[in-house]
């Protein structure tokens, strides 16, 4: 696309590469490292407790404010994080950065778990009730109310909300997901694009117009079903290639620190490229630090902010340490990453080399489910950001526009919009990370009070600094 002789796409691509380059990646991972130190490696010492909470979170706490149970809130958050990034994002990272990118993806997720804990804790602490009686929370609220003594807090909160609406309408919330569903249905089942678009639009309209309770109900059913089904498929591929696991793990670790030589269709990659692709695609997948998932956490019927923080923290664990790791291992163990294929085609090929046609169906159905639930999750994120900016009167117009964009997304191939959306997606993180660092004492205080209340301090329990 050119304007007055200037290639707009090239300019936006350069900006996109800068934003998702070292500055933002260092800020994202650096914030996670700092919070990990501040909270005494909570993602290690408290992960068993967090997983226990997840198993017992299907029933909402009685007499507590909120719209849905903690499990439903987690499922809603996972509905957006477990998306095309778990298949396409992982393949892109390994195809570009080599097997070592998977190591850096996991490392970023390790620190990202603490970031997710912190932002979800703040989301519950500073949430409020809108004019329709629904919970509203997320970075825009803890930026505005947590930093209330600073003059720029309202502006910073509005900037985050604006970026949130933009990503929901024109970014990872719509176009990539719709295209993934339409393409997968056409290739695997020969379903016409127009029919797929119509069905998707009707389903999205039915679910999203029902509000958070209907979105959460669908997410509670689909997310566990699709995640378990996909992981079982991965485990079957890995199990049938069990003798290759040791060398696969060795390759992942060695490539992370020495780079990867050119092999087959793979052109080779240095260490820095592996680091950049692993961290960037990992964050794109689990969204830790972007500020999206805490919006869903704020809807949970939970009394203690730290409790929901622990539950939400497991989202990053499930997303990256289980689903992304499984996908990456399948790609490497089958040597599919060395070929000419990319994206979902590479993953489908990897599965089919072991499970024949059944393997490609596992990937196709998984991708369709992942993409559909992402549409639902991001619709809710955009709705809450719209309510923050314009009040409840803006919710219905927003939903109608969202549905129209979903309906048209199957027929659009606007690279400029996609790159612009990726830029806005990265910019979402900046106001959120500023708030997390500024509110570090609040996060530590809430955490310390919660664990003091539980009386579970032991000799190996992390000490939260003041």
Protein backbone atom coordinates (compact mmCIF):
# COMPACT_ATOMS: atom_id res chain seq x y z
CA UNK A 1 0.00 0.00 0.00
CA UNK A 2 1.46 3.34 -1.09
CA UNK A 3 0.52 6.92 -0.30
CA UNK A 4 2.24 9.76 -2.20
CA UNK A 5 4.96 7.34 -3.23
CA UNK A 6 5.53 6.16 0.36
CA UNK A 7 5.07 2.48 1.18
CA UNK A 8 2.93 2.62 4.32
CA UNK A 9 3.31 -1.10 4.99
CA UNK A 10 7.11 -0.86 5.06
CA UNK A 11 6.97 2.07 7.50
CA UNK A 12 4.51 0.29 9.80
CA UNK A 13 6.53 -2.92 9.65
CA UNK A 14 9.63 -1.00 10.74
CA UNK A 15 7.68 0.55 13.64
CA UNK A 16 6.28 -2.86 14.55
CA UNK A 17 9.75 -4.42 14.63
CA UNK A 18 10.99 -1.58 16.83
CA UNK A 19 8.09 -1.80 19.30
CA UNK A 20 8.36 -5.58 19.56
CA UNK A 21 12.13 -5.29 19.64
CA UNK A 22 14.52 -5.20 22.62
CA UNK A 23 13.00 -2.17 24.46
CA UNK A 24 9.53 -3.66 24.98
CA UNK A 25 10.77 -7.21 25.43
CA UNK A 26 13.25 -6.08 28.08
CA UNK A 27 10.50 -4.09 29.82
CA UNK A 28 8.10 -7.04 29.76
CA UNK A 29 10.58 -9.65 30.96
CA UNK A 30 12.32 -7.19 33.26
CA UNK A 31 9.05 -6.39 35.02
CA UNK A 32 8.45 -10.12 35.48
CA UNK A 33 11.96 -10.62 36.90
CA UNK A 34 11.54 -7.69 39.30
CA UNK A 35 8.13 -8.91 40.52
CA UNK A 36 9.50 -12.45 40.87
CA UNK A 37 12.16 -11.10 43.22
CA UNK A 38 9.66 -8.84 45.00
CA UNK A 39 7.24 -11.72 45.63
CA UNK A 40 9.83 -14.36 46.48
CA UNK A 41 9.36 -16.58 43.40
CA UNK A 42 5.67 -16.99 44.05
CA UNK A 43 5.24 -18.86 40.75
CA UNK A 44 7.42 -21.68 42.16
CA UNK A 45 6.48 -21.91 45.83
CA UNK A 46 2.77 -21.18 45.41
CA UNK A 47 2.03 -23.00 42.15
CA UNK A 48 0.72 -26.15 43.95
CA UNK A 49 -1.66 -23.95 45.97
CA UNK A 50 -2.73 -22.12 42.81
CA UNK A 51 -3.50 -25.38 41.01
CA UNK A 52 -5.47 -26.54 44.05
CA UNK A 53 -7.52 -23.34 43.87
CA UNK A 54 -8.24 -23.97 40.19
CA UNK A 55 -9.62 -27.43 40.96
CA UNK A 56 -11.89 -25.93 43.63
CA UNK A 57 -12.88 -22.78 41.76
CA UNK A 58 -15.88 -23.95 39.75
CA UNK A 59 -18.25 -22.79 42.47
CA UNK A 60 -18.31 -19.06 43.08
CA UNK A 61 -17.79 -17.82 46.61
CA UNK A 62 -21.16 -17.23 48.29
CA UNK A 63 -22.08 -13.65 49.11
CA UNK A 64 -19.11 -12.18 47.24
CA UNK A 65 -19.30 -9.52 44.56
CA UNK A 66 -18.66 -10.64 41.01
CA UNK A 67 -20.31 -11.91 37.84
CA UNK A 68 -18.88 -15.43 37.42
CA UNK A 69 -16.91 -18.07 39.34
CA UNK A 70 -13.12 -17.89 39.51
CA UNK A 71 -12.92 -20.89 37.18
CA UNK A 72 -15.22 -19.18 34.69
CA UNK A 73 -13.08 -16.04 34.85
CA UNK A 74 -9.96 -18.14 34.25
CA UNK A 75 -11.65 -19.95 31.37
CA UNK A 76 -12.65 -16.62 29.83
CA UNK A 77 -9.06 -15.40 30.07
CA UNK A 78 -7.76 -18.68 28.65
CA UNK A 79 -10.31 -18.45 25.84
CA UNK A 80 -8.36 -15.49 24.48
CA UNK A 81 -4.82 -16.56 25.37
CA UNK A 82 -5.19 -20.12 24.06
CA UNK A 83 -5.57 -19.14 20.43
CA UNK A 84 -3.73 -19.17 17.14
CA UNK A 85 -0.59 -18.13 19.04
CA UNK A 86 -0.35 -21.64 20.49
CA UNK A 87 -0.14 -23.14 17.01
CA UNK A 88 0.86 -20.40 14.56
CA UNK A 89 2.87 -18.41 17.11
CA UNK A 90 4.97 -21.40 18.18
CA UNK A 91 5.64 -22.48 14.59
CA UNK A 92 6.66 -18.93 13.67
CA UNK A 93 9.04 -18.72 16.62
CA UNK A 94 10.74 -22.04 15.83
CA UNK A 95 10.69 -21.57 12.05
CA UNK A 96 12.43 -18.19 12.41
CA UNK A 97 14.52 -18.56 15.56
CA UNK A 98 15.16 -22.31 15.61
CA UNK A 99 14.43 -24.84 18.39
CA UNK A 100 16.19 -22.59 20.92
CA UNK A 101 13.31 -20.12 20.64
CA UNK A 102 11.16 -22.59 22.60
CA UNK A 103 13.54 -22.34 25.57
CA UNK A 104 13.29 -18.54 25.65
CA UNK A 105 9.52 -18.77 25.26
CA UNK A 106 9.35 -20.89 28.41
CA UNK A 107 11.74 -18.63 30.30
CA UNK A 108 9.64 -15.56 29.48
CA UNK A 109 6.52 -17.44 30.60
CA UNK A 110 8.20 -18.36 33.89
CA UNK A 111 8.60 -14.68 34.80
CA UNK A 112 5.32 -13.86 33.07
CA UNK A 113 3.47 -15.98 35.64
CA UNK A 114 4.39 -13.45 38.33
CA UNK A 115 3.32 -10.60 36.06
CA UNK A 116 -0.03 -12.30 35.48
CA UNK A 117 -0.46 -12.85 39.21
CA UNK A 118 0.24 -9.19 39.94
CA UNK A 119 -2.02 -7.67 37.30
CA UNK A 120 -4.92 -9.98 38.18
CA UNK A 121 -4.52 -9.18 41.89
CA UNK A 122 -4.74 -5.46 41.12
CA UNK A 123 -7.71 -6.01 38.80
CA UNK A 124 -9.77 -7.49 41.65
CA UNK A 125 -8.56 -4.97 44.23
CA UNK A 126 -9.50 -1.92 42.14
CA UNK A 127 -12.57 -3.26 40.31
CA UNK A 128 -15.86 -1.42 40.38
CA UNK A 129 -19.50 -1.93 39.36
CA UNK A 130 -20.86 -0.28 36.22
CA UNK A 131 -24.30 1.25 35.71
CA UNK A 132 -25.67 -2.13 34.59
CA UNK A 133 -24.54 -3.79 37.80
CA UNK A 134 -21.67 -5.70 36.16
CA UNK A 135 -18.09 -5.82 37.41
CA UNK A 136 -15.54 -3.69 35.60
CA UNK A 137 -11.85 -3.98 36.22
CA UNK A 138 -8.46 -4.28 34.65
CA UNK A 139 -5.47 -2.02 33.99
CA UNK A 140 -7.60 1.03 33.16
CA UNK A 141 -9.06 0.95 36.67
CA UNK A 142 -5.94 0.22 38.67
CA UNK A 143 -4.09 2.82 36.63
CA UNK A 144 -6.77 5.43 37.31
CA UNK A 145 -7.50 4.58 40.93
CA UNK A 146 -4.19 3.12 42.06
CA UNK A 147 -2.23 6.09 40.71
CA UNK A 148 -4.89 8.65 41.66
CA UNK A 149 -2.37 11.08 43.16
CA UNK A 150 -0.66 11.47 39.81
CA UNK A 151 -2.21 13.86 37.28
CA UNK A 152 -1.51 11.64 34.31
CA UNK A 153 -3.30 8.56 35.69
CA UNK A 154 -6.65 9.21 33.96
CA UNK A 155 -4.93 9.91 30.65
CA UNK A 156 -2.78 6.78 30.94
CA UNK A 157 -5.84 4.70 31.80
CA UNK A 158 -7.73 6.07 28.79
CA UNK A 159 -4.75 5.35 26.54
CA UNK A 160 -4.76 1.72 27.66
CA UNK A 161 -8.53 1.44 27.13
CA UNK A 162 -8.23 2.97 23.63
CA UNK A 163 -5.54 0.46 22.69
CA UNK A 164 -7.66 -2.33 24.18
CA UNK A 165 -10.66 -1.45 21.99
CA UNK A 166 -8.40 -1.13 18.95
CA UNK A 167 -6.85 -4.57 19.45
CA UNK A 168 -10.28 -6.13 20.08
CA UNK A 169 -11.81 -4.66 16.92
CA UNK A 170 -8.90 -4.66 14.49
CA UNK A 171 -6.19 -6.84 15.98
CA UNK A 172 -5.68 -10.31 17.37
CA UNK A 173 -9.29 -10.27 18.60
CA UNK A 174 -10.84 -10.49 15.14
CA UNK A 175 -9.03 -10.70 11.79
CA UNK A 176 -6.39 -13.39 12.48
CA UNK A 177 -8.92 -15.57 14.30
CA UNK A 178 -11.62 -15.32 11.63
CA UNK A 179 -9.14 -16.00 8.85
CA UNK A 180 -7.76 -18.99 10.76
CA UNK A 181 -11.23 -20.50 11.10
CA UNK A 182 -12.26 -19.83 7.50
CA UNK A 183 -9.02 -21.14 6.01
CA UNK A 184 -9.00 -24.25 8.19
CA UNK A 185 -12.63 -25.07 7.38
CA UNK A 186 -12.03 -24.57 3.65
CA UNK A 187 -8.85 -26.67 3.49
CA UNK A 188 -9.95 -29.52 5.75
CA UNK A 189 -13.68 -29.74 5.08
CA UNK A 190 -14.11 -27.78 1.81
CA UNK A 191 -16.56 -25.36 3.45
CA UNK A 192 -17.07 -22.12 1.43
CA UNK A 193 -15.73 -18.93 3.01
CA UNK A 194 -19.12 -17.21 2.93
CA UNK A 195 -20.78 -20.06 4.82
CA UNK A 196 -18.05 -20.14 7.45
CA UNK A 197 -18.24 -16.38 7.89
CA UNK A 198 -22.03 -16.51 8.33
CA UNK A 199 -21.89 -19.31 10.90
CA UNK A 200 -19.08 -17.63 12.87
CA UNK A 201 -20.94 -14.32 12.92
CA UNK A 202 -24.18 -15.89 14.16
CA UNK A 203 -22.40 -17.85 16.89
CA UNK A 204 -20.38 -14.83 18.04
CA UNK A 205 -23.55 -12.69 18.07
CA UNK A 206 -25.49 -15.27 20.08
CA UNK A 207 -22.77 -15.68 22.69
CA UNK A 208 -21.49 -12.13 23.07
CA UNK A 209 -24.89 -10.43 23.17
CA UNK A 210 -25.61 -12.58 26.22
CA UNK A 211 -22.86 -10.84 28.17
CA UNK A 212 -20.09 -12.18 30.37
CA UNK A 213 -22.19 -14.96 31.89
CA UNK A 214 -22.90 -16.52 28.50
CA UNK A 215 -19.31 -15.98 27.31
CA UNK A 216 -18.03 -17.59 30.51
CA UNK A 217 -20.47 -20.50 30.19
CA UNK A 218 -19.24 -21.28 26.67
CA UNK A 219 -15.61 -20.80 27.73
CA UNK A 220 -16.01 -23.17 30.70
CA UNK A 221 -17.20 -25.88 28.32
CA UNK A 222 -14.95 -25.31 25.30
CA UNK A 223 -11.62 -24.36 26.89
CA UNK A 224 -11.03 -27.54 28.93
CA UNK A 225 -12.41 -29.70 26.12
CA UNK A 226 -10.26 -28.20 23.37
CA UNK A 227 -7.11 -27.92 25.49
CA UNK A 228 -7.26 -31.50 26.80
CA UNK A 229 -8.08 -32.89 23.35
CA UNK A 230 -5.19 -31.05 21.71
CA UNK A 231 -2.71 -31.95 24.46
CA UNK A 232 -3.69 -35.65 24.24
CA UNK A 233 -3.00 -35.50 20.50
CA UNK A 234 0.42 -33.98 21.18
CA UNK A 235 1.17 -36.60 23.82
CA UNK A 236 0.30 -39.37 21.36
CA UNK A 237 2.73 -38.00 18.76
CA UNK A 238 5.45 -37.60 21.39
CA UNK A 239 4.73 -41.03 22.89
CA UNK A 240 5.19 -42.69 19.49
CA UNK A 241 8.56 -40.94 19.18
CA UNK A 242 9.66 -41.40 22.78
CA UNK A 243 13.20 -42.41 21.84
CA UNK A 244 13.76 -38.97 20.28
CA UNK A 245 12.78 -36.99 23.39
CA UNK A 246 16.28 -36.77 24.97
CA UNK A 247 17.90 -35.47 21.77
CA UNK A 248 15.00 -33.07 21.22
CA UNK A 249 15.42 -31.55 24.68
CA UNK A 250 19.18 -31.34 24.17
CA UNK A 251 18.66 -29.53 20.86
CA UNK A 252 16.25 -27.02 22.44
CA UNK A 253 18.72 -26.15 25.21
CA UNK A 254 21.87 -26.08 23.08
CA UNK A 255 20.23 -24.00 20.33
CA UNK A 256 19.10 -21.45 22.90
CA UNK A 257 22.73 -20.53 23.64
CA UNK A 258 24.60 -21.36 20.44
CA UNK A 259 22.08 -20.67 17.69
CA UNK A 260 20.92 -23.11 15.02
CA UNK A 261 22.72 -23.96 11.78
CA UNK A 262 20.90 -24.06 8.45
CA UNK A 263 19.14 -27.39 7.94
CA UNK A 264 16.85 -28.36 5.09
CA UNK A 265 14.46 -25.47 4.48
CA UNK A 266 15.56 -23.74 7.70
CA UNK A 267 17.92 -20.88 6.93
CA UNK A 268 19.68 -20.83 10.29
CA UNK A 269 19.38 -18.45 13.24
CA UNK A 270 21.67 -16.83 15.79
CA UNK A 271 21.12 -16.67 19.53
CA UNK A 272 19.66 -13.14 19.51
CA UNK A 273 17.05 -14.09 16.92
CA UNK A 274 16.10 -17.14 18.99
CA UNK A 275 15.75 -14.93 22.09
CA UNK A 276 13.68 -12.30 20.29
CA UNK A 277 11.32 -14.73 18.56
CA UNK A 278 10.88 -16.93 21.63
CA UNK A 279 10.03 -14.07 23.98
CA UNK A 280 7.91 -12.10 21.51
CA UNK A 281 5.81 -15.06 20.32
CA UNK A 282 5.52 -16.38 23.88
CA UNK A 283 4.12 -13.11 25.15
CA UNK A 284 1.82 -12.94 22.12
CA UNK A 285 0.48 -16.34 23.15
CA UNK A 286 0.06 -16.03 26.95
CA UNK A 287 -0.46 -12.21 27.02
CA UNK A 288 1.33 -11.84 30.38
CA UNK A 289 1.97 -8.13 30.89
CA UNK A 290 -0.29 -6.95 28.08
CA UNK A 291 -3.11 -6.27 30.55
CA UNK A 292 -5.89 -8.19 28.76
CA UNK A 293 -6.42 -11.23 31.00
CA UNK A 294 -6.90 -9.16 34.21
CA UNK A 295 -10.06 -7.71 32.68
CA UNK A 296 -11.61 -11.18 32.89
CA UNK A 297 -10.14 -11.79 36.35
CA UNK A 298 -11.99 -8.73 37.65
CA UNK A 299 -15.34 -10.44 36.95
CA UNK A 300 -14.64 -13.33 39.33
CA UNK A 301 -16.76 -13.90 42.43
CA UNK A 302 -13.81 -13.89 44.79
CA UNK A 303 -13.13 -11.97 47.98
CA UNK A 304 -9.35 -11.96 48.15
CA UNK A 305 -7.42 -10.29 45.27
CA UNK A 306 -4.39 -12.53 45.90
CA UNK A 307 -6.49 -15.70 45.56
CA UNK A 308 -7.66 -14.69 42.08
CA UNK A 309 -4.10 -13.66 41.27
CA UNK A 310 -2.95 -17.20 42.01
CA UNK A 311 -5.74 -18.71 39.92
CA UNK A 312 -5.02 -16.39 36.99
CA UNK A 313 -1.30 -17.16 37.25
CA UNK A 314 -2.02 -20.74 36.23
CA UNK A 315 -3.32 -19.43 32.89
CA UNK A 316 0.22 -18.62 31.78
CA UNK A 317 1.36 -22.01 33.04
CA UNK A 318 -1.33 -23.90 31.10
CA UNK A 319 -0.89 -21.78 27.97
CA UNK A 320 2.89 -21.91 27.60
CA UNK A 321 4.32 -24.65 29.79
CA UNK A 322 1.77 -27.18 28.57
CA UNK A 323 0.20 -26.27 25.22
CA UNK A 324 3.04 -24.26 23.62
CA UNK A 325 5.66 -26.69 24.93
CA UNK A 326 3.68 -29.63 23.54
CA UNK A 327 3.31 -27.94 20.14
CA UNK A 328 6.99 -27.04 19.97
CA UNK A 329 8.10 -30.53 20.98
CA UNK A 330 5.93 -32.09 18.27
CA UNK A 331 7.41 -29.77 15.63
CA UNK A 332 10.98 -30.54 16.67
CA UNK A 333 10.61 -34.26 17.36
CA UNK A 334 9.13 -34.83 13.88
CA UNK A 335 11.74 -32.57 12.18
CA UNK A 336 8.87 -30.58 10.64
CA UNK A 337 10.58 -27.30 11.52
CA UNK A 338 13.29 -28.02 8.93
CA UNK A 339 10.84 -28.09 6.01
CA UNK A 340 9.41 -25.40 3.77
CA UNK A 341 6.01 -25.23 5.47
CA UNK A 342 5.07 -22.55 8.00
CA UNK A 343 2.23 -21.64 10.37
CA UNK A 344 -0.64 -24.05 10.90
CA UNK A 345 0.44 -26.03 7.82
CA UNK A 346 3.68 -26.98 9.58
CA UNK A 347 1.85 -28.15 12.69
CA UNK A 348 -0.66 -30.09 10.61
CA UNK A 349 2.17 -31.76 8.70
CA UNK A 350 3.95 -32.66 11.95
CA UNK A 351 0.85 -34.41 13.29
CA UNK A 352 0.09 -36.13 9.98
CA UNK A 353 3.59 -37.66 9.74
CA UNK A 354 2.73 -39.73 12.79
CA UNK A 355 -1.07 -39.93 12.88
CA UNK A 356 -1.81 -39.65 9.15
CA UNK A 357 -5.06 -37.87 8.28
CA UNK A 358 -6.28 -38.02 11.88
CA UNK A 359 -3.38 -35.80 12.90
CA UNK A 360 -4.32 -33.02 10.51
CA UNK A 361 -7.91 -33.15 11.78
CA UNK A 362 -6.69 -32.74 15.38
CA UNK A 363 -4.83 -29.57 14.41
CA UNK A 364 -7.68 -28.22 12.29
CA UNK A 365 -10.36 -28.75 14.93
CA UNK A 366 -8.04 -27.42 17.63
CA UNK A 367 -7.25 -24.31 15.61
CA UNK A 368 -10.93 -23.63 14.90
CA UNK A 369 -11.86 -23.99 18.59
CA UNK A 370 -8.88 -21.92 19.74
CA UNK A 371 -9.67 -19.13 17.29
CA UNK A 372 -13.40 -19.08 18.10
CA UNK A 373 -12.89 -18.80 21.85
CA UNK A 374 -10.35 -16.02 21.26
CA UNK A 375 -13.08 -14.09 19.44
CA UNK A 376 -15.28 -14.41 22.54
CA UNK A 377 -12.59 -13.44 25.03
CA UNK A 378 -11.44 -10.36 23.15
CA UNK A 379 -15.01 -9.25 22.61
CA UNK A 380 -15.36 -9.02 26.38
CA UNK A 381 -12.04 -7.20 26.81
CA UNK A 382 -13.06 -4.62 24.23
CA UNK A 383 -16.48 -4.25 25.85
CA UNK A 384 -15.00 -3.42 29.24
CA UNK A 385 -12.57 -0.93 27.68
CA UNK A 386 -15.47 0.66 25.79
CA UNK A 387 -17.48 0.95 29.01
CA UNK A 388 -14.54 2.69 30.67
CA UNK A 389 -14.28 5.24 27.86
CA UNK A 390 -17.95 5.86 27.04
CA UNK A 391 -20.04 4.31 29.80
CA UNK A 392 -22.61 1.53 29.42
CA UNK A 393 -24.28 3.35 26.51
CA UNK A 394 -21.32 2.42 24.34
CA UNK A 395 -21.52 -1.33 24.96
CA UNK A 396 -24.27 -2.29 22.48
CA UNK A 397 -22.85 -0.20 19.58
CA UNK A 398 -19.45 -1.74 20.27
CA UNK A 399 -20.85 -5.28 20.17
CA UNK A 400 -22.67 -4.62 16.89
CA UNK A 401 -19.51 -3.22 15.29
CA UNK A 402 -17.56 -6.23 16.59
CA UNK A 403 -20.03 -8.65 15.00
CA UNK A 404 -19.88 -6.77 11.67
CA UNK A 405 -16.09 -6.89 11.69
CA UNK A 406 -16.17 -10.62 12.41
CA UNK A 407 -18.55 -11.08 9.47
CA UNK A 408 -16.27 -9.15 7.10
CA UNK A 409 -12.98 -10.49 8.46
CA UNK A 410 -13.06 -13.57 6.26
CA UNK A 411 -12.92 -11.46 3.11
CA UNK A 412 -10.24 -8.95 4.13
CA UNK A 413 -6.54 -9.33 3.54
CA UNK A 414 -5.38 -5.94 4.73
CA UNK A 415 -1.75 -6.35 5.77
CA UNK A 416 -1.61 -2.71 6.88
CA UNK A 417 -4.42 -3.23 9.40
CA UNK A 418 -2.78 -6.35 10.78
CA UNK A 419 0.61 -4.73 11.26
CA UNK A 420 -1.03 -1.64 12.79
CA UNK A 421 -2.95 -3.90 15.15
CA UNK A 422 0.27 -5.63 16.19
CA UNK A 423 1.73 -2.21 16.99
CA UNK A 424 -1.27 -1.26 19.11
CA UNK A 425 -1.12 -4.64 20.83
CA UNK A 426 2.44 -3.90 21.92
CA UNK A 427 1.54 -0.38 23.00
CA UNK A 428 -1.14 -1.83 25.31
CA UNK A 429 1.58 -3.24 27.50
CA UNK A 430 3.35 0.05 28.24
CA UNK A 431 0.70 1.74 30.45
CA UNK A 432 0.06 -1.59 32.17
CA UNK A 433 3.72 -2.22 32.98
CA UNK A 434 4.13 1.34 34.29
CA UNK A 435 1.24 0.71 36.68
CA UNK A 436 2.59 -2.67 37.82
CA UNK A 437 5.93 -1.14 38.73
CA UNK A 438 4.34 1.89 40.38
CA UNK A 439 1.98 -0.31 42.43
CA UNK A 440 4.62 -2.86 43.45
CA UNK A 441 4.19 -2.03 47.16
CA UNK A 442 0.44 -2.59 46.93
CA UNK A 443 1.02 -5.96 45.25
CA UNK A 444 3.54 -7.01 47.91
CA UNK A 445 1.33 -5.80 50.77
CA UNK A 446 -1.77 -7.64 49.50
CA UNK A 447 0.28 -10.79 48.98
CA UNK A 448 1.85 -10.65 52.43
CA UNK A 449 -1.50 -10.04 54.14
CA UNK A 450 -3.14 -12.89 52.30
CA UNK A 451 -0.52 -15.50 53.20
CA UNK A 452 -0.33 -14.25 56.77
CA UNK A 453 -4.07 -14.81 56.96
CA UNK A 454 -3.76 -18.34 55.62
CA UNK A 455 -1.04 -19.13 58.18
CA UNK A 456 0.85 -21.29 55.75
CA UNK A 457 4.31 -19.85 56.33
CA UNK A 458 6.99 -22.55 56.38
CA UNK A 459 10.74 -22.61 56.28
CA UNK A 460 10.79 -22.72 52.47
CA UNK A 461 8.07 -20.11 52.02
CA UNK A 462 9.29 -17.05 50.10
CA UNK A 463 9.61 -13.83 52.07
CA UNK A 464 7.85 -10.95 50.37
CA UNK A 465 9.91 -7.78 50.60
CA UNK A 466 8.42 -4.55 51.79
